[in-house]
Every structure is written in structure tokens, then in C-alpha cells.
Amino acid sequence: MGTCEVWYFDITGFCLTPYIPYAWQPIGSVIEIPASTHRRRLNVFGFLNRHNELYPYVIEGKVDTATIVECFEQFSRQVKKTGFSDT
């Protein structure tokens, strides 16, 4: 039976503008979250395998399908490939 390498992919984003309008707080108290008027967003993608090999990508601003496809293309050119055999 052949083997294959398993890679996990995930994406997250960070910005200084809070977008969750609530928080856990005691009844009667108010929590204020200062917000920035600057809407710069940092997006972080990553491919990780079970050997903790990481291929990260950091993109500032909007992410669309073409951006994700390009990351997968770059990743596929960098990762070590081995053949697969059913024998």
C-alpha cells in the first residue's frame, strides 16, 4: 500500500478594528474596546504537516480566490513530492 503526505491548511486575519460588538462582562458593567479608524488587515495563511513543517504566507489587505489559488500554486512548487504507488 502506498503512502501520502498530509498537509493542513488554515487562514486567519488580524486588524485593529474590533468587529465583534460584544464581550463577556458582569451584569451592569460596560466594557469599551478602543477602535482604530485605520482598517488595515493582515491575513495569515499556512500549510502545516505532522512533522511541524510550515509554509506560511502573510498578505496585507483583501484576499480573494485568485490569491488563495496563487498560494496553493507556490506551495505545490516548494513542497517535496514523492511518487504514489498502489503496489
PDB file of N, CA and C in Angstrom:
ATOM      1  N   MET A   1       0.845  -1.188   0.000  1.00  0.00           N
ATOM      2  CA  MET A   1       0.000   0.000   0.000  1.00  0.00           C
ATOM      3  C   MET A   1       0.886   1.247   0.000  1.00  0.00           C
ATOM      4  N   GLY A   2       0.530   2.232  -0.752  1.00  0.00           N
ATOM      5  CA  GLY A   2       1.320   3.460  -0.858  1.00  0.00           C
ATOM      6  C   GLY A   2       1.099   4.396   0.320  1.00  0.00           C
ATOM      7  N   THR A   3       1.886   5.449   0.346  1.00  0.00           N
ATOM      8  CA  THR A   3       1.756   6.461   1.394  1.00  0.00           C
ATOM      9  C   THR A   3       1.585   7.827   0.747  1.00  0.00           C
ATOM     10  N   CYS A   4       1.066   8.736   1.509  1.00  0.00           N
ATOM     11  CA  CYS A   4       0.966  10.116   1.037  1.00  0.00           C
ATOM     12  C   CYS A   4       1.201  11.058   2.211  1.00  0.00           C
ATOM     13  N   GLU A   5       1.638  12.236   1.897  1.00  0.00           N
ATOM     14  CA  GLU A   5       1.908  13.270   2.906  1.00  0.00           C
ATOM     15  C   GLU A   5       0.633  14.078   3.112  1.00  0.00           C
ATOM     16  N   VAL A   6       0.243  14.271   4.353  1.00  0.00           N
ATOM     17  CA  VAL A   6      -0.957  15.048   4.666  1.00  0.00           C
ATOM     18  C   VAL A   6      -0.530  16.445   5.109  1.00  0.00           C
ATOM     19  N   TRP A   7      -1.111  17.461   4.472  1.00  0.00           N
ATOM     20  CA  TRP A   7      -0.860  18.855   4.824  1.00  0.00           C
ATOM     21  C   TRP A   7      -2.164  19.495   5.251  1.00  0.00           C
ATOM     22  N   TYR A   8      -2.110  20.302   6.289  1.00  0.00           N
ATOM     23  CA  TYR A   8      -3.277  21.038   6.775  1.00  0.00           C
ATOM     24  C   TYR A   8      -3.139  22.493   6.346  1.00  0.00           C
ATOM     25  N   PHE A   9      -4.251  23.104   5.983  1.00  0.00           N
ATOM     26  CA  PHE A   9      -4.257  24.499   5.544  1.00  0.00           C
ATOM     27  C   PHE A   9      -5.261  25.271   6.389  1.00  0.00           C
ATOM     28  N   ASP A  10      -4.875  26.477   6.797  1.00  0.00           N
ATOM     29  CA  ASP A  10      -5.793  27.338   7.531  1.00  0.00           C
ATOM     30  C   ASP A  10      -5.443  28.786   7.243  1.00  0.00           C
ATOM     31  N   ILE A  11      -6.391  29.656   7.488  1.00  0.00           N
ATOM     32  CA  ILE A  11      -6.216  31.085   7.257  1.00  0.00           C
ATOM     33  C   ILE A  11      -6.898  31.847   8.390  1.00  0.00           C
ATOM     34  N   THR A  12      -6.286  32.948   8.778  1.00  0.00           N
ATOM     35  CA  THR A  12      -6.898  33.827   9.770  1.00  0.00           C
ATOM     36  C   THR A  12      -6.489  35.253   9.447  1.00  0.00           C
ATOM     37  N   GLY A  13      -7.166  36.207  10.048  1.00  0.00           N
ATOM     38  CA  GLY A  13      -6.861  37.612   9.801  1.00  0.00           C
ATOM     39  C   GLY A  13      -6.820  38.403  11.088  1.00  0.00           C
ATOM     40  N   PHE A  14      -6.057  39.481  11.061  1.00  0.00           N
ATOM     41  CA  PHE A  14      -5.904  40.352  12.218  1.00  0.00           C
ATOM     42  C   PHE A  14      -6.098  41.798  11.788  1.00  0.00           C
ATOM     43  N   CYS A  15      -6.756  42.572  12.632  1.00  0.00           N
ATOM     44  CA  CYS A  15      -6.877  44.002  12.368  1.00  0.00           C
ATOM     45  C   CYS A  15      -7.112  44.725  13.695  1.00  0.00           C
ATOM     46  N   LEU A  16      -6.934  46.038  13.690  1.00  0.00           N
ATOM     47  CA  LEU A  16      -7.099  46.820  14.916  1.00  0.00           C
ATOM     48  C   LEU A  16      -8.529  47.289  15.124  1.00  0.00           C
ATOM     49  N   THR A  17      -9.397  47.061  14.151  1.00  0.00           N
ATOM     50  CA  THR A  17     -10.791  47.457  14.286  1.00  0.00           C
ATOM     51  C   THR A  17     -11.593  46.263  14.792  1.00  0.00           C
ATOM     52  N   PRO A  18     -12.135  46.338  16.007  1.00  0.00           N
ATOM     53  CA  PRO A  18     -12.917  45.213  16.512  1.00  0.00           C
ATOM     54  C   PRO A  18     -14.171  45.011  15.663  1.00  0.00           C
ATOM     55  N   TYR A  19     -14.492  43.777  15.375  1.00  0.00           N
ATOM     56  CA  TYR A  19     -15.691  43.524  14.592  1.00  0.00           C
ATOM     57  C   TYR A  19     -16.695  42.657  15.335  1.00  0.00           C
ATOM     58  N   ILE A  20     -16.390  42.262  16.563  1.00  0.00           N
ATOM     59  CA  ILE A  20     -17.347  41.555  17.413  1.00  0.00           C
ATOM     60  C   ILE A  20     -17.891  42.583  18.406  1.00  0.00           C
ATOM     61  N   PRO A  21     -19.179  42.905  18.319  1.00  0.00           N
ATOM     62  CA  PRO A  21     -19.720  44.014  19.106  1.00  0.00           C
ATOM     63  C   PRO A  21     -20.081  43.662  20.548  1.00  0.00           C
ATOM     64  N   TYR A  22     -19.621  42.544  21.046  1.00  0.00           N
ATOM     65  CA  TYR A  22     -19.975  42.166  22.411  1.00  0.00           C
ATOM     66  C   TYR A  22     -18.807  41.460  23.092  1.00  0.00           C
ATOM     67  N   ALA A  23     -18.896  41.334  24.411  1.00  0.00           N
ATOM     68  CA  ALA A  23     -17.892  40.617  25.190  1.00  0.00           C
ATOM     69  C   ALA A  23     -18.554  40.121  26.468  1.00  0.00           C
ATOM     70  N   TRP A  24     -17.966  39.127  27.098  1.00  0.00           N
ATOM     71  CA  TRP A  24     -18.478  38.654  28.380  1.00  0.00           C
ATOM     72  C   TRP A  24     -18.114  39.676  29.441  1.00  0.00           C
ATOM     73  N   GLN A  25     -19.078  40.070  30.238  1.00  0.00           N
ATOM     74  CA  GLN A  25     -18.852  41.084  31.270  1.00  0.00           C
ATOM     75  C   GLN A  25     -19.874  40.902  32.382  1.00  0.00           C
ATOM     76  N   PRO A  26     -19.561  41.356  33.585  1.00  0.00           N
ATOM     77  CA  PRO A  26     -20.533  41.281  34.681  1.00  0.00           C
ATOM     78  C   PRO A  26     -21.762  42.152  34.363  1.00  0.00           C
ATOM     79  N   ILE A  27     -22.921  41.739  34.851  1.00  0.00           N
ATOM     80  CA  ILE A  27     -24.156  42.496  34.641  1.00  0.00           C
ATOM     81  C   ILE A  27     -23.990  43.895  35.212  1.00  0.00           C
ATOM     82  N   GLY A  28     -24.379  44.894  34.428  1.00  0.00           N
ATOM     83  CA  GLY A  28     -24.303  46.285  34.864  1.00  0.00           C
ATOM     84  C   GLY A  28     -22.994  46.980  34.539  1.00  0.00           C
ATOM     85  N   SER A  29     -21.971  46.255  34.116  1.00  0.00           N
ATOM     86  CA  SER A  29     -20.704  46.901  33.775  1.00  0.00           C
ATOM     87  C   SER A  29     -20.607  47.071  32.257  1.00  0.00           C
ATOM     88  N   VAL A  30     -19.753  47.984  31.842  1.00  0.00           N
ATOM     89  CA  VAL A  30     -19.561  48.264  30.427  1.00  0.00           C
ATOM     90  C   VAL A  30     -18.095  48.044  30.084  1.00  0.00           C
ATOM     91  N   ILE A  31     -17.871  47.310  29.031  1.00  0.00           N
ATOM     92  CA  ILE A  31     -16.510  47.121  28.532  1.00  0.00           C
ATOM     93  C   ILE A  31     -16.401  47.906  27.241  1.00  0.00           C
ATOM     94  N   GLU A  32     -15.424  48.792  27.179  1.00  0.00           N
ATOM     95  CA  GLU A  32     -15.198  49.562  25.967  1.00  0.00           C
ATOM     96  C   GLU A  32     -13.927  49.063  25.302  1.00  0.00           C
ATOM     97  N   ILE A  33     -14.017  48.873  24.007  1.00  0.00           N
ATOM     98  CA  ILE A  33     -12.862  48.439  23.239  1.00  0.00           C
ATOM     99  C   ILE A  33     -12.491  49.574  22.296  1.00  0.00           C
ATOM    100  N   PRO A  34     -11.342  50.213  22.532  1.00  0.00           N
ATOM    101  CA  PRO A  34     -10.959  51.296  21.626  1.00  0.00           C
ATOM    102  C   PRO A  34     -10.707  50.754  20.221  1.00  0.00           C
ATOM    103  N   ALA A  35     -11.191  51.474  19.249  1.00  0.00           N
ATOM    104  CA  ALA A  35     -11.051  51.045  17.862  1.00  0.00           C
ATOM    105  C   ALA A  35     -10.191  52.022  17.083  1.00  0.00           C
ATOM    106  N   SER A  36      -9.498  51.498  16.143  1.00  0.00           N
ATOM    107  CA  SER A  36      -8.686  52.319  15.255  1.00  0.00           C
ATOM    108  C   SER A  36      -9.517  52.674  14.027  1.00  0.00           C
ATOM    109  N   THR A  37      -9.319  53.858  13.500  1.00  0.00           N
ATOM    110  CA  THR A  37     -10.015  54.229  12.273  1.00  0.00           C
ATOM    111  C   THR A  37      -9.284  53.683  11.056  1.00  0.00           C
ATOM    112  N   HIS A  38      -8.069  53.206  11.263  1.00  0.00           N
ATOM    113  CA  HIS A  38      -7.284  52.613  10.176  1.00  0.00           C
ATOM    114  C   HIS A  38      -7.742  51.172   9.998  1.00  0.00           C
ATOM    115  N   ARG A  39      -8.159  50.790   8.819  1.00  0.00           N
ATOM    116  CA  ARG A  39      -8.734  49.474   8.589  1.00  0.00           C
ATOM    117  C   ARG A  39      -7.771  48.502   7.907  1.00  0.00           C
ATOM    118  N   ARG A  40      -6.517  48.578   8.189  1.00  0.00           N
ATOM    119  CA  ARG A  40      -5.532  47.670   7.609  1.00  0.00           C
ATOM    120  C   ARG A  40      -5.719  46.272   8.186  1.00  0.00           C
ATOM    121  N   ARG A  41      -5.756  45.257   7.354  1.00  0.00           N
ATOM    122  CA  ARG A  41      -5.943  43.879   7.803  1.00  0.00           C
ATOM    123  C   ARG A  41      -4.753  43.046   7.348  1.00  0.00           C
ATOM    124  N   LEU A  42      -4.272  42.208   8.250  1.00  0.00           N
ATOM    125  CA  LEU A  42      -3.170  41.304   7.965  1.00  0.00           C
ATOM    126  C   LEU A  42      -3.731  39.884   7.940  1.00  0.00           C
ATOM    127  N   ASN A  43      -3.607  39.203   6.817  1.00  0.00           N
ATOM    128  CA  ASN A  43      -4.104  37.837   6.667  1.00  0.00           C
ATOM    129  C   ASN A  43      -2.931  36.876   6.669  1.00  0.00           C
ATOM    130  N   VAL A  44      -3.074  35.797   7.417  1.00  0.00           N
ATOM    131  CA  VAL A  44      -2.007  34.807   7.548  1.00  0.00           C
ATOM    132  C   VAL A  44      -2.555  33.450   7.114  1.00  0.00           C
ATOM    133  N   PHE A  45      -1.883  32.838   6.114  1.00  0.00           N
ATOM    134  CA  PHE A  45      -2.235  31.502   5.650  1.00  0.00           C
ATOM    135  C   PHE A  45      -1.122  30.576   6.072  1.00  0.00           C
ATOM    136  N   GLY A  46      -1.429  29.297   6.183  1.00  0.00           N
ATOM    137  CA  GLY A  46      -0.363  28.371   6.495  1.00  0.00           C
ATOM    138  C   GLY A  46      -0.669  26.949   6.081  1.00  0.00           C
ATOM    139  N   PHE A  47       0.367  26.271   5.593  1.00  0.00           N
ATOM    140  CA  PHE A  47       0.328  24.836   5.312  1.00  0.00           C
ATOM    141  C   PHE A  47       1.222  24.179   6.350  1.00  0.00           C
ATOM    142  N   LEU A  48       0.714  23.185   7.048  1.00  0.00           N
ATOM    143  CA  LEU A  48       1.458  22.526   8.123  1.00  0.00           C
ATOM    144  C   LEU A  48       1.271  21.023   7.998  1.00  0.00           C
ATOM    145  N   ASN A  49       2.376  20.274   8.188  1.00  0.00           N
ATOM    146  CA  ASN A  49       2.239  18.819   8.178  1.00  0.00           C
ATOM    147  C   ASN A  49       2.492  18.259   9.575  1.00  0.00           C
ATOM    148  N   ARG A  50       2.426  16.950   9.698  1.00  0.00           N
ATOM    149  CA  ARG A  50       2.564  16.307  11.014  1.00  0.00           C
ATOM    150  C   ARG A  50       3.988  16.335  11.541  1.00  0.00           C
ATOM    151  N   HIS A  51       4.942  16.767  10.721  1.00  0.00           N
ATOM    152  CA  HIS A  51       6.337  16.908  11.153  1.00  0.00           C
ATOM    153  C   HIS A  51       6.641  18.360  11.522  1.00  0.00           C
ATOM    154  N   ASN A  52       5.608  19.169  11.663  1.00  0.00           N
ATOM    155  CA  ASN A  52       5.704  20.595  12.012  1.00  0.00           C
ATOM    156  C   ASN A  52       6.470  21.416  10.979  1.00  0.00           C
ATOM    157  N   GLU A  53       6.444  20.987   9.729  1.00  0.00           N
ATOM    158  CA  GLU A  53       6.985  21.803   8.647  1.00  0.00           C
ATOM    159  C   GLU A  53       5.905  22.807   8.266  1.00  0.00           C
ATOM    160  N   LEU A  54       6.263  24.071   8.239  1.00  0.00           N
ATOM    161  CA  LEU A  54       5.292  25.132   7.998  1.00  0.00           C
ATOM    162  C   LEU A  54       5.683  25.950   6.780  1.00  0.00           C
ATOM    163  N   TYR A  55       4.723  26.212   5.922  1.00  0.00           N
ATOM    164  CA  TYR A  55       4.885  27.123   4.785  1.00  0.00           C
ATOM    165  C   TYR A  55       3.879  28.258   4.999  1.00  0.00           C
ATOM    166  N   PRO A  56       4.327  29.377   5.586  1.00  0.00           N
ATOM    167  CA  PRO A  56       3.398  30.479   5.878  1.00  0.00           C
ATOM    168  C   PRO A  56       3.346  31.508   4.755  1.00  0.00           C
ATOM    169  N   TYR A  57       2.237  32.199   4.673  1.00  0.00           N
ATOM    170  CA  TYR A  57       2.049  33.316   3.737  1.00  0.00           C
ATOM    171  C   TYR A  57       1.362  34.435   4.507  1.00  0.00           C
ATOM    172  N   VAL A  58       1.856  35.640   4.359  1.00  0.00           N
ATOM    173  CA  VAL A  58       1.266  36.807   5.020  1.00  0.00           C
ATOM    174  C   VAL A  58       0.891  37.810   3.934  1.00  0.00           C
ATOM    175  N   ILE A  59      -0.360  38.224   3.941  1.00  0.00           N
ATOM    176  CA  ILE A  59      -0.856  39.149   2.921  1.00  0.00           C
ATOM    177  C   ILE A  59      -1.596  40.282   3.611  1.00  0.00           C
ATOM    178  N   GLU A  60      -1.252  41.502   3.239  1.00  0.00           N
ATOM    179  CA  GLU A  60      -1.931  42.670   3.794  1.00  0.00           C
ATOM    180  C   GLU A  60      -3.074  43.047   2.854  1.00  0.00           C
ATOM    181  N   GLY A  61      -4.246  43.224   3.427  1.00  0.00           N
ATOM    182  CA  GLY A  61      -5.383  43.655   2.621  1.00  0.00           C
ATOM    183  C   GLY A  61      -6.303  42.521   2.220  1.00  0.00           C
ATOM    184  N   LYS A  62      -7.088  42.775   1.180  1.00  0.00           N
ATOM    185  CA  LYS A  62      -8.132  41.872   0.728  1.00  0.00           C
ATOM    186  C   LYS A  62      -7.566  40.573   0.166  1.00  0.00           C
ATOM    187  N   VAL A  63      -8.260  39.475   0.463  1.00  0.00           N
ATOM    188  CA  VAL A  63      -7.903  38.164  -0.065  1.00  0.00           C
ATOM    189  C   VAL A  63      -9.077  37.666  -0.903  1.00  0.00           C
ATOM    190  N   ASP A  64      -8.777  37.241  -2.126  1.00  0.00           N
ATOM    191  CA  ASP A  64      -9.821  36.694  -2.980  1.00  0.00           C
ATOM    192  C   ASP A  64      -9.398  35.301  -3.463  1.00  0.00           C
ATOM    193  N   THR A  65     -10.225  34.700  -4.295  1.00  0.00           N
ATOM    194  CA  THR A  65      -9.947  33.345  -4.784  1.00  0.00           C
ATOM    195  C   THR A  65      -8.611  33.265  -5.506  1.00  0.00           C
ATOM    196  N   ALA A  66      -8.302  34.263  -6.316  1.00  0.00           N
ATOM    197  CA  ALA A  66      -7.032  34.254  -7.064  1.00  0.00           C
ATOM    198  C   ALA A  66      -5.839  34.251  -6.111  1.00  0.00           C
ATOM    199  N   THR A  67      -5.936  34.954  -4.998  1.00  0.00           N
ATOM    200  CA  THR A  67      -4.857  34.990  -4.009  1.00  0.00           C
ATOM    201  C   THR A  67      -4.648  33.607  -3.399  1.00  0.00           C
ATOM    202  N   ILE A  68      -5.743  32.950  -3.019  1.00  0.00           N
ATOM    203  CA  ILE A  68      -5.653  31.608  -2.429  1.00  0.00           C
ATOM    204  C   ILE A  68      -5.068  30.621  -3.435  1.00  0.00           C
ATOM    205  N   VAL A  69      -5.539  30.677  -4.675  1.00  0.00           N
ATOM    206  CA  VAL A  69      -5.027  29.772  -5.718  1.00  0.00           C
ATOM    207  C   VAL A  69      -3.530  29.979  -5.905  1.00  0.00           C
ATOM    208  N   GLU A  70      -3.075  31.226  -5.923  1.00  0.00           N
ATOM    209  CA  GLU A  70      -1.644  31.504  -6.089  1.00  0.00           C
ATOM    210  C   GLU A  70      -0.835  30.933  -4.931  1.00  0.00           C
ATOM    211  N   CYS A  71      -1.349  31.038  -3.702  1.00  0.00           N
ATOM    212  CA  CYS A  71      -0.650  30.445  -2.546  1.00  0.00           C
ATOM    213  C   CYS A  71      -0.530  28.932  -2.695  1.00  0.00           C
ATOM    214  N   PHE A  72      -1.602  28.281  -3.156  1.00  0.00           N
ATOM    215  CA  PHE A  72      -1.541  26.839  -3.369  1.00  0.00           C
ATOM    216  C   PHE A  72      -0.544  26.498  -4.478  1.00  0.00           C
ATOM    217  N   GLU A  73      -0.501  27.310  -5.524  1.00  0.00           N
ATOM    218  CA  GLU A  73       0.462  27.081  -6.611  1.00  0.00           C
ATOM    219  C   GLU A  73       1.899  27.193  -6.102  1.00  0.00           C
ATOM    220  N   GLN A  74       2.185  28.260  -5.342  1.00  0.00           N
ATOM    221  CA  GLN A  74       3.533  28.431  -4.788  1.00  0.00           C
ATOM    222  C   GLN A  74       3.889  27.294  -3.850  1.00  0.00           C
ATOM    223  N   PHE A  75       2.948  26.901  -3.013  1.00  0.00           N
ATOM    224  CA  PHE A  75       3.178  25.802  -2.077  1.00  0.00           C
ATOM    225  C   PHE A  75       3.504  24.516  -2.839  1.00  0.00           C
ATOM    226  N   SER A  76       2.752  24.220  -3.889  1.00  0.00           N
ATOM    227  CA  SER A  76       2.972  22.971  -4.626  1.00  0.00           C
ATOM    228  C   SER A  76       4.344  22.942  -5.303  1.00  0.00           C
ATOM    229  N   ARG A  77       4.893  24.111  -5.635  1.00  0.00           N
ATOM    230  CA  ARG A  77       6.235  24.156  -6.240  1.00  0.00           C
ATOM    231  C   ARG A  77       7.333  24.003  -5.180  1.00  0.00           C
ATOM    232  N   GLN A  78       7.049  24.334  -3.923  1.00  0.00           N
ATOM    233  CA  GLN A  78       8.064  24.285  -2.865  1.00  0.00           C
ATOM    234  C   GLN A  78       8.122  22.949  -2.138  1.00  0.00           C
ATOM    235  N   VAL A  79       6.992  22.314  -1.983  1.00  0.00           N
ATOM    236  CA  VAL A  79       6.924  21.098  -1.158  1.00  0.00           C
ATOM    237  C   VAL A  79       7.637  19.935  -1.856  1.00  0.00           C
ATOM    238  N   LYS A  80       8.298  19.097  -1.043  1.00  0.00           N
ATOM    239  CA  LYS A  80       8.974  17.914  -1.580  1.00  0.00           C
ATOM    240  C   LYS A  80       7.910  16.900  -1.983  1.00  0.00           C
ATOM    241  N   LYS A  81       7.994  16.423  -3.210  1.00  0.00           N
ATOM    242  CA  LYS A  81       6.983  15.479  -3.713  1.00  0.00           C
ATOM    243  C   LYS A  81       7.598  14.101  -3.854  1.00  0.00           C
ATOM    244  N   THR A  82       6.808  13.105  -3.528  1.00  0.00           N
ATOM    245  CA  THR A  82       7.213  11.735  -3.745  1.00  0.00           C
ATOM    246  C   THR A  82       6.127  11.058  -4.573  1.00  0.00           C
ATOM    247  N   GLY A  83       6.494  10.036  -5.301  1.00  0.00           N
ATOM    248  CA  GLY A  83       5.519   9.323  -6.113  1.00  0.00           C
ATOM    249  C   GLY A  83       4.589   8.477  -5.253  1.00  0.00           C
ATOM    250  N   PHE A  84       3.454   8.145  -5.798  1.00  0.00           N
ATOM    251  CA  PHE A  84       2.471   7.319  -5.107  1.00  0.00           C
ATOM    252  C   PHE A  84       2.296   6.027  -5.891  1.00  0.00           C
ATOM    253  N   SER A  85       2.306   4.919  -5.187  1.00  0.00           N
ATOM    254  CA  SER A  85       2.181   3.621  -5.852  1.00  0.00           C
ATOM    255  C   SER A  85       1.170   2.775  -5.109  1.00  0.00           C
ATOM    256  N   ASP A  86       0.336   2.068  -5.849  1.00  0.00           N
ATOM    257  CA  ASP A  86      -0.649   1.172  -5.242  1.00  0.00           C
ATOM    258  C   ASP A  86      -0.098  -0.230  -5.017  1.00  0.00           C
ATOM    259  N   THR A  87       1.153  -0.464  -5.361  1.00  0.00           N
ATOM    260  CA  THR A  87       1.710  -1.818  -5.245  1.00  0.00           C
ATOM    261  C   THR A  87       2.226  -2.082  -3.857  1.00  0.00           C
TER     262      THR A  87
END
